[in-house]
C-alpha atoms as a PDB file:
ATOM      1  CA  MET A   1      90.542  74.709 116.309  1.00  0.00           C
ATOM      2  CA  SER A   2      90.480  77.080 119.257  1.00  0.00           C
ATOM      3  CA  LEU A   3      92.461  80.243 118.561  1.00  0.00           C
ATOM      4  CA  GLU A   4      94.367  82.489 120.921  1.00  0.00           C
ATOM      5  CA  VAL A   5      92.722  85.911 120.613  1.00  0.00           C
ATOM      6  CA  ILE A   6      93.785  89.377 121.735  1.00  0.00           C
ATOM      7  CA  GLU A   7      90.755  91.513 122.487  1.00  0.00           C
ATOM      8  CA  ALA A   8      90.544  95.291 122.827  1.00  0.00           C
ATOM      9  CA  GLN A   9      87.655  97.720 123.195  1.00  0.00           C
ATOM     10  CA  THR A  10      87.521 101.451 122.638  1.00  0.00           C
ATOM     11  CA  GLY A  11      84.820 101.736 125.293  1.00  0.00           C
ATOM     12  CA  ASP A  12      82.132  99.916 127.233  1.00  0.00           C
ATOM     13  CA  ASP A  13      79.197  98.235 125.495  1.00  0.00           C
ATOM     14  CA  PRO A  14      80.690  98.024 121.971  1.00  0.00           C
ATOM     15  CA  VAL A  15      78.310  98.541 119.068  1.00  0.00           C
ATOM     16  CA  ALA A  16      80.475  96.788 116.464  1.00  0.00           C
ATOM     17  CA  THR A  17      83.273  94.238 116.120  1.00  0.00           C
ATOM     18  CA  ILE A  18      86.265  94.322 113.786  1.00  0.00           C
ATOM     19  CA  LEU A  19      87.907  90.907 113.463  1.00  0.00           C
ATOM     20  CA  THR A  20      91.409  91.198 111.995  1.00  0.00           C
ATOM     21  CA  MET A  21      93.674  88.378 110.762  1.00  0.00           C
ATOM     22  CA  HIS A  22      97.443  88.779 110.513  1.00  0.00           C
ATOM     23  CA  GLY A  23      99.784  87.666 107.747  1.00  0.00           C
ATOM     24  CA  LEU A  24     102.151  84.715 107.410  1.00  0.00           C
ATOM     25  CA  GLY A  25     104.658  84.405 110.241  1.00  0.00           C
ATOM     26  CA  ALA A  26     103.083  87.105 112.419  1.00  0.00           C
ATOM     27  CA  ASP A  27     100.556  86.789 115.234  1.00  0.00           C
ATOM     28  CA  GLY A  28      97.571  88.615 116.715  1.00  0.00           C
ATOM     29  CA  ARG A  29      99.762  91.435 118.035  1.00  0.00           C
ATOM     30  CA  ASP A  30     100.764  92.476 114.526  1.00  0.00           C
ATOM     31  CA  PHE A  31      97.729  94.631 113.717  1.00  0.00           C
ATOM     32  CA  VAL A  32      97.189  96.110 117.194  1.00  0.00           C
ATOM     33  CA  PRO A  33      99.281  99.282 116.556  1.00  0.00           C
ATOM     34  CA  ILE A  34      97.400  99.919 113.295  1.00  0.00           C
ATOM     35  CA  ALA A  35      94.019  99.499 114.977  1.00  0.00           C
ATOM     36  CA  GLU A  36      95.127 101.979 117.634  1.00  0.00           C
ATOM     37  CA  GLN A  37      95.549 104.598 114.886  1.00  0.00           C
ATOM     38  CA  LEU A  38      91.932 104.275 113.761  1.00  0.00           C
ATOM     39  CA  ASP A  39      89.549 106.904 115.102  1.00  0.00           C
ATOM     40  CA  LEU A  40      86.131 105.276 114.994  1.00  0.00           C
ATOM     41  CA  SER A  41      84.602 107.359 117.777  1.00  0.00           C
ATOM     42  CA  GLY A  42      81.975 108.566 115.347  1.00  0.00           C
ATOM     43  CA  ILE A  43      80.199 105.208 115.490  1.00  0.00           C
ATOM     44  CA  GLY A  44      80.627 104.529 119.209  1.00  0.00           C
ATOM     45  CA  PRO A  45      82.669 101.934 121.133  1.00  0.00           C
ATOM     46  CA  VAL A  46      84.208  99.172 118.990  1.00  0.00           C
ATOM     47  CA  ARG A  47      85.577  95.767 119.915  1.00  0.00           C
ATOM     48  CA  PHE A  48      88.678  94.543 118.075  1.00  0.00           C
ATOM     49  CA  LEU A  49      89.576  90.862 117.883  1.00  0.00           C
ATOM     50  CA  PHE A  50      93.084  89.826 116.856  1.00  0.00           C
ATOM     51  CA  PRO A  51      93.298  86.020 116.589  1.00  0.00           C
ATOM     52  CA  SER A  52      96.628  84.232 116.156  1.00  0.00           C
ATOM     53  CA  ALA A  53      96.990  81.478 113.581  1.00  0.00           C
ATOM     54  CA  PRO A  54      98.336  78.083 114.670  1.00  0.00           C
ATOM     55  CA  SER A  55     101.953  77.218 113.894  1.00  0.00           C
ATOM     56  CA  ILE A  56     102.279  74.844 110.939  1.00  0.00           C
ATOM     57  CA  ALA A  57     104.967  73.737 108.499  1.00  0.00           C
ATOM     58  CA  VAL A  58     104.970  76.086 105.501  1.00  0.00           C
ATOM     59  CA  THR A  59     106.051  74.403 102.271  1.00  0.00           C
ATOM     60  CA  ILE A  60     107.339  77.504 100.457  1.00  0.00           C
ATOM     61  CA  ASN A  61     109.621  78.236 103.424  1.00  0.00           C
ATOM     62  CA  GLY A  62     111.224  74.812 103.347  1.00  0.00           C
ATOM     63  CA  GLY A  63     108.799  73.317 105.837  1.00  0.00           C
ATOM     64  CA  TYR A  64     109.740  75.802 108.543  1.00  0.00           C
ATOM     65  CA  VAL A  65     107.104  75.902 111.275  1.00  0.00           C
ATOM     66  CA  MET A  66     105.511  79.327 111.753  1.00  0.00           C
ATOM     67  CA  PRO A  67     102.104  80.915 112.404  1.00  0.00           C
ATOM     68  CA  ALA A  68     100.016  80.488 109.256  1.00  0.00           C
ATOM     69  CA  TRP A  69      96.335  80.341 108.403  1.00  0.00           C
ATOM     70  CA  TYR A  70      97.096  77.795 105.669  1.00  0.00           C
ATOM     71  CA  ASP A  71     100.067  76.320 103.845  1.00  0.00           C
ATOM     72  CA  ILE A  72     101.680  78.152 100.915  1.00  0.00           C
ATOM     73  CA  LEU A  73     102.543  75.425  98.420  1.00  0.00           C
ATOM     74  CA  GLY A  74     104.413  77.537  95.855  1.00  0.00           C
ATOM     75  CA  THR A  75     104.950  80.967  94.355  1.00  0.00           C
ATOM     76  CA  ASP A  76     101.867  80.692  92.142  1.00  0.00           C
ATOM     77  CA  LEU A  77      99.159  81.629  94.617  1.00  0.00           C
ATOM     78  CA  ALA A  78      96.342  80.666  92.250  1.00  0.00           C
ATOM     79  CA  LYS A  79      97.313  77.278  90.809  1.00  0.00           C
ATOM     80  CA  ARG A  80      98.298  75.405  93.986  1.00  0.00           C
ATOM     81  CA  GLU A  81      96.271  76.191  97.078  1.00  0.00           C
ATOM     82  CA  ASP A  82      95.881  74.517 100.454  1.00  0.00           C
ATOM     83  CA  GLU A  83      92.111  74.188 100.285  1.00  0.00           C
ATOM     84  CA  ALA A  84      91.892  71.996 103.389  1.00  0.00           C
ATOM     85  CA  GLY A  85      93.911  74.496 105.421  1.00  0.00           C
ATOM     86  CA  LEU A  86      91.876  77.424 104.149  1.00  0.00           C
ATOM     87  CA  ARG A  87      88.584  75.776 105.013  1.00  0.00           C
ATOM     88  CA  HIS A  88      89.861  74.731 108.436  1.00  0.00           C
ATOM     89  CA  SER A  89      90.823  78.315 109.270  1.00  0.00           C
ATOM     90  CA  GLN A  90      87.543  79.580 107.815  1.00  0.00           C
ATOM     91  CA  ALA A  91      85.703  77.383 110.318  1.00  0.00           C
ATOM     92  CA  SER A  92      87.760  78.865 113.158  1.00  0.00           C
ATOM     93  CA  ILE A  93      86.936  82.430 112.112  1.00  0.00           C
ATOM     94  CA  GLU A  94      83.274  81.470 111.743  1.00  0.00           C
ATOM     95  CA  ALA A  95      83.376  80.302 115.367  1.00  0.00           C
ATOM     96  CA  LEU A  96      84.666  83.727 116.436  1.00  0.00           C
ATOM     97  CA  ILE A  97      81.886  85.436 114.489  1.00  0.00           C
ATOM     98  CA  ALA A  98      79.326  83.162 116.140  1.00  0.00           C
ATOM     99  CA  HIS A  99      80.755  84.059 119.547  1.00  0.00           C
ATOM    100  CA  GLU A 100      80.388  87.768 118.776  1.00  0.00           C
ATOM    101  CA  LYS A 101      76.764  87.212 117.829  1.00  0.00           C
ATOM    102  CA  SER A 102      76.211  85.437 121.145  1.00  0.00           C
ATOM    103  CA  ARG A 103      77.575  88.553 122.879  1.00  0.00           C
ATOM    104  CA  GLY A 104      74.966  90.718 121.212  1.00  0.00           C
ATOM    105  CA  ILE A 105      76.817  92.009 118.144  1.00  0.00           C
ATOM    106  CA  ALA A 106      74.665  91.452 115.050  1.00  0.00           C
ATOM    107  CA  ALA A 107      76.313  90.159 111.874  1.00  0.00           C
ATOM    108  CA  ARG A 108      75.619  93.515 110.186  1.00  0.00           C
ATOM    109  CA  ARG A 109      77.854  95.134 112.807  1.00  0.00           C
ATOM    110  CA  ILE A 110      80.828  92.832 112.194  1.00  0.00           C
ATOM    111  CA  VAL A 111      83.709  93.543 109.817  1.00  0.00           C
ATOM    112  CA  VAL A 112      86.193  90.818 108.880  1.00  0.00           C
ATOM    113  CA  ALA A 113      89.568  92.167 107.838  1.00  0.00           C
ATOM    114  CA  GLY A 114      93.100  90.996 107.297  1.00  0.00           C
ATOM    115  CA  PHE A 115      96.571  91.522 105.874  1.00  0.00           C
ATOM    116  CA  SER A 116      98.134  89.220 103.248  1.00  0.00           C
ATOM    117  CA  GLN A 117      97.153  85.659 104.255  1.00  0.00           C
ATOM    118  CA  GLY A 118      94.700  87.221 106.675  1.00  0.00           C
ATOM    119  CA  ALA A 119      93.164  89.238 103.831  1.00  0.00           C
ATOM    120  CA  ALA A 120      92.688  86.057 101.813  1.00  0.00           C
ATOM    121  CA  LEU A 121      90.987  84.427 104.799  1.00  0.00           C
ATOM    122  CA  ALA A 122      88.790  87.508 105.378  1.00  0.00           C
ATOM    123  CA  LEU A 123      87.580  87.410 101.769  1.00  0.00           C
ATOM    124  CA  MET A 124      87.012  83.669 101.852  1.00  0.00           C
ATOM    125  CA  THR A 125      85.084  83.737 105.121  1.00  0.00           C
ATOM    126  CA  GLY A 126      83.160  86.946 104.556  1.00  0.00           C
ATOM    127  CA  LEU A 127      81.824  85.992 101.137  1.00  0.00           C
ATOM    128  CA  ARG A 128      80.598  82.655 102.483  1.00  0.00           C
ATOM    129  CA  HIS A 129      79.081  83.791 105.772  1.00  0.00           C
ATOM    130  CA  SER A 130      75.379  82.965 106.030  1.00  0.00           C
ATOM    131  CA  GLU A 131      74.312  86.399 107.328  1.00  0.00           C
ATOM    132  CA  ARG A 132      75.032  89.842 105.928  1.00  0.00           C
ATOM    133  CA  LEU A 133      78.189  91.322 107.426  1.00  0.00           C
ATOM    134  CA  ALA A 134      79.057  95.010 107.686  1.00  0.00           C
ATOM    135  CA  GLY A 135      82.019  94.623 105.353  1.00  0.00           C
ATOM    136  CA  ILE A 136      85.194  92.805 104.310  1.00  0.00           C
ATOM    137  CA  ALA A 137      88.611  94.501 104.227  1.00  0.00           C
ATOM    138  CA  GLY A 138      91.611  92.933 102.528  1.00  0.00           C
ATOM    139  CA  LEU A 139      95.031  94.612 102.750  1.00  0.00           C
ATOM    140  CA  SER A 140      97.823  93.337 100.480  1.00  0.00           C
ATOM    141  CA  GLY A 141      95.949  90.101  99.864  1.00  0.00           C
ATOM    142  CA  TYR A 142      94.047  88.176  97.222  1.00  0.00           C
ATOM    143  CA  LEU A 143      90.949  86.053  96.660  1.00  0.00           C
ATOM    144  CA  PRO A 144      91.682  82.395  97.457  1.00  0.00           C
ATOM    145  CA  LEU A 145      89.878  79.465  95.832  1.00  0.00           C
ATOM    146  CA  GLY A 146      88.637  81.812  93.148  1.00  0.00           C
ATOM    147  CA  ASP A 147      87.099  79.032  91.061  1.00  0.00           C
ATOM    148  CA  ARG A 148      85.015  77.964  94.078  1.00  0.00           C
ATOM    149  CA  THR A 149      83.722  81.408  95.008  1.00  0.00           C
ATOM    150  CA  ALA A 150      80.701  81.536  92.690  1.00  0.00           C
ATOM    151  CA  GLY A 151      79.399  78.227  94.003  1.00  0.00           C
ATOM    152  CA  ASP A 152      80.321  78.728  97.650  1.00  0.00           C
ATOM    153  CA  ARG A 153      79.343  82.349  98.228  1.00  0.00           C
ATOM    154  CA  SER A 154      76.395  83.314 100.381  1.00  0.00           C
ATOM    155  CA  VAL A 155      73.396  85.081  98.880  1.00  0.00           C
ATOM    156  CA  ALA A 156      73.179  87.077 102.119  1.00  0.00           C
ATOM    157  CA  ASN A 157      76.495  88.771 101.343  1.00  0.00           C
ATOM    158  CA  ARG A 158      75.992  89.389  97.633  1.00  0.00           C
ATOM    159  CA  ASP A 159      76.092  93.160  98.284  1.00  0.00           C
ATOM    160  CA  VAL A 160      78.618  93.247 101.133  1.00  0.00           C
ATOM    161  CA  PRO A 161      81.008  96.250 100.900  1.00  0.00           C
ATOM    162  CA  ILE A 162      84.572  95.202 100.128  1.00  0.00           C
ATOM    163  CA  PHE A 163      87.709  97.288 100.719  1.00  0.00           C
ATOM    164  CA  MET A 164      90.908  96.167  98.972  1.00  0.00           C
ATOM    165  CA  ALA A 165      94.250  97.974  99.149  1.00  0.00           C
ATOM    166  CA  HIS A 166      97.631  97.027  97.721  1.00  0.00           C
ATOM    167  CA  GLY A 167     101.175  98.255  97.230  1.00  0.00           C
ATOM    168  CA  THR A 168     102.346  98.828  93.680  1.00  0.00           C
ATOM    169  CA  ARG A 169     105.783  97.441  94.615  1.00  0.00           C
ATOM    170  CA  ASP A 170     104.528  94.374  96.495  1.00  0.00           C
ATOM    171  CA  GLY A 171     106.941  91.510  95.870  1.00  0.00           C
ATOM    172  CA  VAL A 172     105.133  88.982  98.083  1.00  0.00           C
ATOM    173  CA  VAL A 173     101.623  89.188  96.645  1.00  0.00           C
ATOM    174  CA  PRO A 174     102.248  90.859  93.262  1.00  0.00           C
ATOM    175  CA  LEU A 175      99.864  93.631  92.286  1.00  0.00           C
ATOM    176  CA  PRO A 176      98.531  91.698  89.229  1.00  0.00           C
ATOM    177  CA  ARG A 177      97.402  88.868  91.541  1.00  0.00           C
ATOM    178  CA  ALA A 178      95.470  91.317  93.702  1.00  0.00           C
ATOM    179  CA  SER A 179      93.971  93.253  90.797  1.00  0.00           C
ATOM    180  CA  ALA A 180      92.882  89.963  89.192  1.00  0.00           C
ATOM    181  CA  SER A 181      91.074  89.167  92.453  1.00  0.00           C
ATOM    182  CA  ARG A 182      89.413  92.568  92.359  1.00  0.00           C
ATOM    183  CA  ASP A 183      88.282  91.956  88.787  1.00  0.00           C
ATOM    184  CA  ALA A 184      86.984  88.477  89.651  1.00  0.00           C
ATOM    185  CA  LEU A 185      84.911  89.929  92.484  1.00  0.00           C
ATOM    186  CA  ALA A 186      83.593  92.701  90.238  1.00  0.00           C
ATOM    187  CA  ALA A 187      82.600  90.088  87.632  1.00  0.00           C
ATOM    188  CA  LEU A 188      80.528  88.378  90.337  1.00  0.00           C
ATOM    189  CA  GLY A 189      78.726  91.653  91.036  1.00  0.00           C
ATOM    190  CA  TYR A 190      80.558  92.846  94.150  1.00  0.00           C
ATOM    191  CA  ALA A 191      81.276  96.536  94.663  1.00  0.00           C
ATOM    192  CA  VAL A 192      84.975  96.730  95.531  1.00  0.00           C
ATOM    193  CA  GLU A 193      86.580  99.922  96.813  1.00  0.00           C
ATOM    194  CA  TRP A 194      90.120  99.625  95.450  1.00  0.00           C
ATOM    195  CA  HIS A 195      93.225 101.563  96.517  1.00  0.00           C
ATOM    196  CA  GLU A 196      96.855 101.417  95.377  1.00  0.00           C
ATOM    197  CA  TYR A 197      99.834 102.925  97.180  1.00  0.00           C
ATOM    198  CA  PRO A 198     103.525 103.287  96.238  1.00  0.00           C
ATOM    199  CA  MET A 199     104.716 100.758  98.831  1.00  0.00           C
ATOM    200  CA  GLU A 200     105.895  97.182  99.184  1.00  0.00           C
ATOM    201  CA  HIS A 201     104.186  94.401 101.194  1.00  0.00           C
ATOM    202  CA  SER A 202     103.227  96.663 104.072  1.00  0.00           C
ATOM    203  CA  VAL A 203     100.746  99.231 105.370  1.00  0.00           C
ATOM    204  CA  CYS A 204     101.098 103.001 104.924  1.00  0.00           C
ATOM    205  CA  PRO A 205      99.472 106.000 106.683  1.00  0.00           C
ATOM    206  CA  GLU A 206      97.368 106.891 103.644  1.00  0.00           C
ATOM    207  CA  GLU A 207      95.964 103.370 103.646  1.00  0.00           C
ATOM    208  CA  ILE A 208      94.997 103.612 107.306  1.00  0.00           C
ATOM    209  CA  THR A 209      93.186 106.883 106.584  1.00  0.00           C
ATOM    210  CA  ASP A 210      91.290 105.321 103.673  1.00  0.00           C
ATOM    211  CA  LEU A 211      90.431 102.255 105.751  1.00  0.00           C
ATOM    212  CA  GLN A 212      89.163 104.449 108.593  1.00  0.00           C
ATOM    213  CA  ARG A 213      86.938 106.390 106.195  1.00  0.00           C
ATOM    214  CA  TRP A 214      85.517 103.133 104.798  1.00  0.00           C
ATOM    215  CA  LEU A 215      84.913 101.648 108.266  1.00  0.00           C
ATOM    216  CA  LEU A 216      83.061 104.755 109.409  1.00  0.00           C
ATOM    217  CA  ARG A 217      80.819 104.444 106.365  1.00  0.00           C
ATOM    218  CA  VAL A 218      80.006 100.732 106.543  1.00  0.00           C
ATOM    219  CA  LEU A 219      79.464 100.850 110.315  1.00  0.00           C
ATOM    220  CA  ALA A 220      77.508 104.124 110.337  1.00  0.00           C
END
């Protein structure tokens, strides 16, 4: 699957890439304004990639066709998952990572990030990537295919830094679902930097500040 991708650079000859996946029903433009608020000048020029998911019928929305990385089969995000759709999108993100490597950006200089569905895809892809990445950031998301993670994960990324942030009033991906994902990752030995904010299914200024601080550290 070839994805439409918005690309932006903070300067010539980027030294790192941040690949960001949007949430259900949005597109690659969704995270551009947030990325523009990040001051990463301390690490040098950065390339941002904002891919758009294909439009598919989404079961939970009555089969309505919209941009989605995978189908949402019901309100229980853990019991019924679109594994085929998840793995298909994972392969597409892996292709973007491979392209960045071909452009001279080493895996250790690549961060995969996302919001909601995009956060789930970032966690799924990042934990399984065959080379050590700089980090994985998941905003208002969760760990998909949790029972497959232990068997599927890459040894190369056993110590990858993970940033997770969530709203305490999130009615789309409830906080307990996200905190259970955090705990599952911790049980597998991952160091997760966890943040909670008094917000709904969204992004807040404090979160952007915390994400910026984390990015500066993992890409230092």
